[in-house]
Amino acid sequence: MKFSSVSLISRLALVAIVGLIISACTSTMEGMGKDLQTMGNAMGGSGANSTQQNQSQTKGKDVVVTPVK
């Protein structure tokens, strides 16, 4: 099989364009994830904050922890 230079260049250009599109979609998804995380923190706080709240609620009380088998 012999590839002409135009065919090879067009295939490489097509691969480059597809790569750029995938890269742009990945960046957009990452940005959306960060935005959603920021919005969630603004609305209800993060998981670390809720853990600290649970510890403060049980402070000074007897807590029984049963192991799970």
N, C-alpha and C. Protein backbone atom coordinates (compact mmCIF):
# COMPACT_ATOMS: atom_id res chain seq x y z
N MET A 1 0.83 -1.18 0.00
CA MET A 1 0.00 0.00 0.00
C MET A 1 0.88 1.24 0.00
N LYS A 2 0.60 2.12 -0.92
CA LYS A 2 1.35 3.36 -1.00
C LYS A 2 0.42 4.53 -0.71
N PHE A 3 0.78 5.32 0.30
CA PHE A 3 -0.04 6.47 0.67
C PHE A 3 0.47 7.70 -0.07
N SER A 4 -0.45 8.46 -0.61
CA SER A 4 -0.04 9.72 -1.19
C SER A 4 0.16 10.73 -0.07
N SER A 5 0.94 11.75 -0.31
CA SER A 5 1.24 12.72 0.73
C SER A 5 0.00 13.50 1.15
N VAL A 6 -0.92 13.75 0.23
CA VAL A 6 -2.15 14.47 0.56
C VAL A 6 -3.02 13.62 1.47
N SER A 7 -3.10 12.34 1.19
CA SER A 7 -3.91 11.44 2.00
C SER A 7 -3.34 11.34 3.41
N LEU A 8 -2.02 11.23 3.52
CA LEU A 8 -1.37 11.12 4.83
C LEU A 8 -1.54 12.40 5.63
N ILE A 9 -1.38 13.53 4.97
CA ILE A 9 -1.53 14.82 5.66
C ILE A 9 -2.97 15.02 6.11
N SER A 10 -3.94 14.64 5.27
CA SER A 10 -5.34 14.80 5.66
C SER A 10 -5.69 13.88 6.81
N ARG A 11 -5.15 12.68 6.84
CA ARG A 11 -5.41 11.77 7.96
C ARG A 11 -4.80 12.29 9.25
N LEU A 12 -3.60 12.81 9.17
CA LEU A 12 -2.96 13.38 10.37
C LEU A 12 -3.73 14.60 10.87
N ALA A 13 -4.22 15.42 9.94
CA ALA A 13 -5.00 16.59 10.33
C ALA A 13 -6.30 16.16 11.00
N LEU A 14 -6.93 15.13 10.48
CA LEU A 14 -8.16 14.61 11.07
C LEU A 14 -7.92 14.09 12.49
N VAL A 15 -6.84 13.36 12.68
CA VAL A 15 -6.48 12.85 14.01
C VAL A 15 -6.20 14.01 14.97
N ALA A 16 -5.52 15.03 14.48
CA ALA A 16 -5.22 16.20 15.32
C ALA A 16 -6.50 16.93 15.73
N ILE A 17 -7.42 17.08 14.80
CA ILE A 17 -8.69 17.75 15.10
C ILE A 17 -9.49 16.94 16.13
N VAL A 18 -9.55 15.63 15.96
CA VAL A 18 -10.26 14.78 16.92
C VAL A 18 -9.60 14.89 18.29
N GLY A 19 -8.28 14.91 18.34
CA GLY A 19 -7.57 15.06 19.61
C GLY A 19 -7.88 16.38 20.30
N LEU A 20 -7.95 17.45 19.53
CA LEU A 20 -8.30 18.76 20.10
C LEU A 20 -9.72 18.77 20.64
N ILE A 21 -10.64 18.14 19.93
CA ILE A 21 -12.04 18.09 20.39
C ILE A 21 -12.14 17.31 21.70
N ILE A 22 -11.46 16.17 21.78
CA ILE A 22 -11.48 15.37 23.01
C ILE A 22 -10.85 16.15 24.16
N SER A 23 -9.76 16.85 23.89
CA SER A 23 -9.11 17.65 24.92
C SER A 23 -10.02 18.77 25.42
N ALA A 24 -10.74 19.41 24.50
CA ALA A 24 -11.65 20.50 24.89
C ALA A 24 -12.79 19.95 25.74
N CYS A 25 -13.32 18.79 25.38
CA CYS A 25 -14.41 18.20 26.16
C CYS A 25 -13.95 17.83 27.56
N THR A 26 -12.74 17.32 27.68
CA THR A 26 -12.20 16.95 28.98
C THR A 26 -12.04 18.18 29.86
N SER A 27 -11.54 19.26 29.30
CA SER A 27 -11.37 20.50 30.06
C SER A 27 -12.72 21.05 30.50
N THR A 28 -13.71 20.96 29.63
CA THR A 28 -15.05 21.45 29.97
C THR A 28 -15.64 20.63 31.11
N MET A 29 -15.51 19.31 31.04
CA MET A 29 -16.05 18.45 32.10
C MET A 29 -15.36 18.72 33.43
N GLU A 30 -14.04 18.92 33.39
CA GLU A 30 -13.32 19.22 34.63
C GLU A 30 -13.79 20.55 35.22
N GLY A 31 -13.99 21.54 34.37
CA GLY A 31 -14.48 22.83 34.83
C GLY A 31 -15.87 22.73 35.42
N MET A 32 -16.73 21.93 34.77
CA MET A 32 -18.08 21.74 35.30
C MET A 32 -18.04 21.06 36.66
N GLY A 33 -17.15 20.08 36.81
CA GLY A 33 -17.03 19.39 38.10
C GLY A 33 -16.61 20.33 39.21
N LYS A 34 -15.66 21.21 38.90
CA LYS A 34 -15.21 22.18 39.90
C LYS A 34 -16.32 23.16 40.25
N ASP A 35 -17.09 23.58 39.23
CA ASP A 35 -18.21 24.49 39.48
C ASP A 35 -19.26 23.83 40.36
N LEU A 36 -19.58 22.56 40.07
CA LEU A 36 -20.57 21.85 40.88
C LEU A 36 -20.08 21.66 42.31
N GLN A 37 -18.80 21.39 42.48
CA GLN A 37 -18.25 21.23 43.82
C GLN A 37 -18.32 22.55 44.59
N THR A 38 -18.00 23.65 43.92
CA THR A 38 -18.08 24.97 44.55
C THR A 38 -19.52 25.28 44.94
N MET A 39 -20.46 24.97 44.05
CA MET A 39 -21.86 25.24 44.34
C MET A 39 -22.34 24.37 45.50
N GLY A 40 -21.92 23.11 45.54
CA GLY A 40 -22.30 22.23 46.64
C GLY A 40 -21.75 22.71 47.97
N ASN A 41 -20.52 23.18 47.97
CA ASN A 41 -19.93 23.70 49.20
C ASN A 41 -20.67 24.95 49.67
N ALA A 42 -21.09 25.79 48.73
CA ALA A 42 -21.82 27.01 49.10
C ALA A 42 -23.20 26.68 49.66
N MET A 43 -23.82 25.63 49.14
CA MET A 43 -25.17 25.29 49.59
C MET A 43 -25.18 24.54 50.92
N GLY A 44 -24.32 23.53 51.04
CA GLY A 44 -24.44 22.69 52.23
C GLY A 44 -23.14 22.34 52.91
N GLY A 45 -22.05 22.83 52.45
CA GLY A 45 -20.78 22.49 53.06
C GLY A 45 -20.20 21.23 52.45
N SER A 46 -19.01 20.90 52.88
CA SER A 46 -18.33 19.72 52.35
C SER A 46 -18.47 18.55 53.30
N GLY A 47 -18.02 17.39 52.89
CA GLY A 47 -18.09 16.19 53.73
C GLY A 47 -17.25 16.32 54.98
N ALA A 48 -16.13 17.02 54.89
CA ALA A 48 -15.26 17.19 56.06
C ALA A 48 -15.96 18.02 57.13
N ASN A 49 -16.72 19.03 56.71
CA ASN A 49 -17.43 19.86 57.68
C ASN A 49 -18.52 19.07 58.39
N SER A 50 -19.22 18.18 57.66
CA SER A 50 -20.28 17.41 58.29
C SER A 50 -19.70 16.42 59.29
N THR A 51 -18.50 15.89 59.04
CA THR A 51 -17.85 15.00 59.98
C THR A 51 -17.50 15.75 61.26
N GLN A 52 -17.02 16.95 61.13
CA GLN A 52 -16.70 17.75 62.32
C GLN A 52 -17.96 18.07 63.10
N GLN A 53 -19.07 18.31 62.42
CA GLN A 53 -20.32 18.59 63.10
C GLN A 53 -20.80 17.37 63.86
N ASN A 54 -20.65 16.17 63.28
CA ASN A 54 -21.07 14.95 63.96
C ASN A 54 -20.24 14.72 65.21
N GLN A 55 -18.95 15.01 65.16
CA GLN A 55 -18.10 14.84 66.33
C GLN A 55 -18.51 15.81 67.43
N SER A 56 -18.87 17.02 67.07
CA SER A 56 -19.25 18.00 68.09
C SER A 56 -20.60 17.65 68.70
N GLN A 57 -21.48 16.97 67.95
CA GLN A 57 -22.77 16.58 68.48
C GLN A 57 -22.64 15.48 69.52
N THR A 58 -21.63 14.62 69.37
CA THR A 58 -21.48 13.50 70.30
C THR A 58 -20.51 13.81 71.43
N LYS A 59 -19.98 15.01 71.48
CA LYS A 59 -19.01 15.36 72.50
C LYS A 59 -19.68 15.37 73.88
N GLY A 60 -19.08 14.65 74.81
CA GLY A 60 -19.61 14.60 76.16
C GLY A 60 -20.69 13.56 76.35
N LYS A 61 -21.01 12.77 75.34
CA LYS A 61 -22.05 11.73 75.43
C LYS A 61 -21.40 10.37 75.33
N ASP A 62 -22.04 9.36 75.92
CA ASP A 62 -21.56 7.99 75.78
C ASP A 62 -21.99 7.46 74.42
N VAL A 63 -21.03 6.99 73.65
CA VAL A 63 -21.31 6.47 72.31
C VAL A 63 -20.86 5.04 72.27
N VAL A 64 -21.78 4.14 71.87
CA VAL A 64 -21.47 2.73 71.75
C VAL A 64 -21.25 2.42 70.29
N VAL A 65 -20.10 1.85 69.98
CA VAL A 65 -19.78 1.49 68.60
C VAL A 65 -19.78 -0.02 68.50
N THR A 66 -20.62 -0.56 67.64
CA THR A 66 -20.68 -2.01 67.47
C THR A 66 -19.95 -2.37 66.20
N PRO A 67 -19.03 -3.32 66.27
CA PRO A 67 -18.28 -3.72 65.06
C PRO A 67 -19.19 -4.46 64.07
N VAL A 68 -18.93 -4.25 62.79
CA VAL A 68 -19.69 -4.91 61.75
C VAL A 68 -18.92 -6.14 61.30
N LYS A 69 -19.59 -7.27 61.26
CA LYS A 69 -18.92 -8.52 60.88
C LYS A 69 -19.03 -8.75 59.40
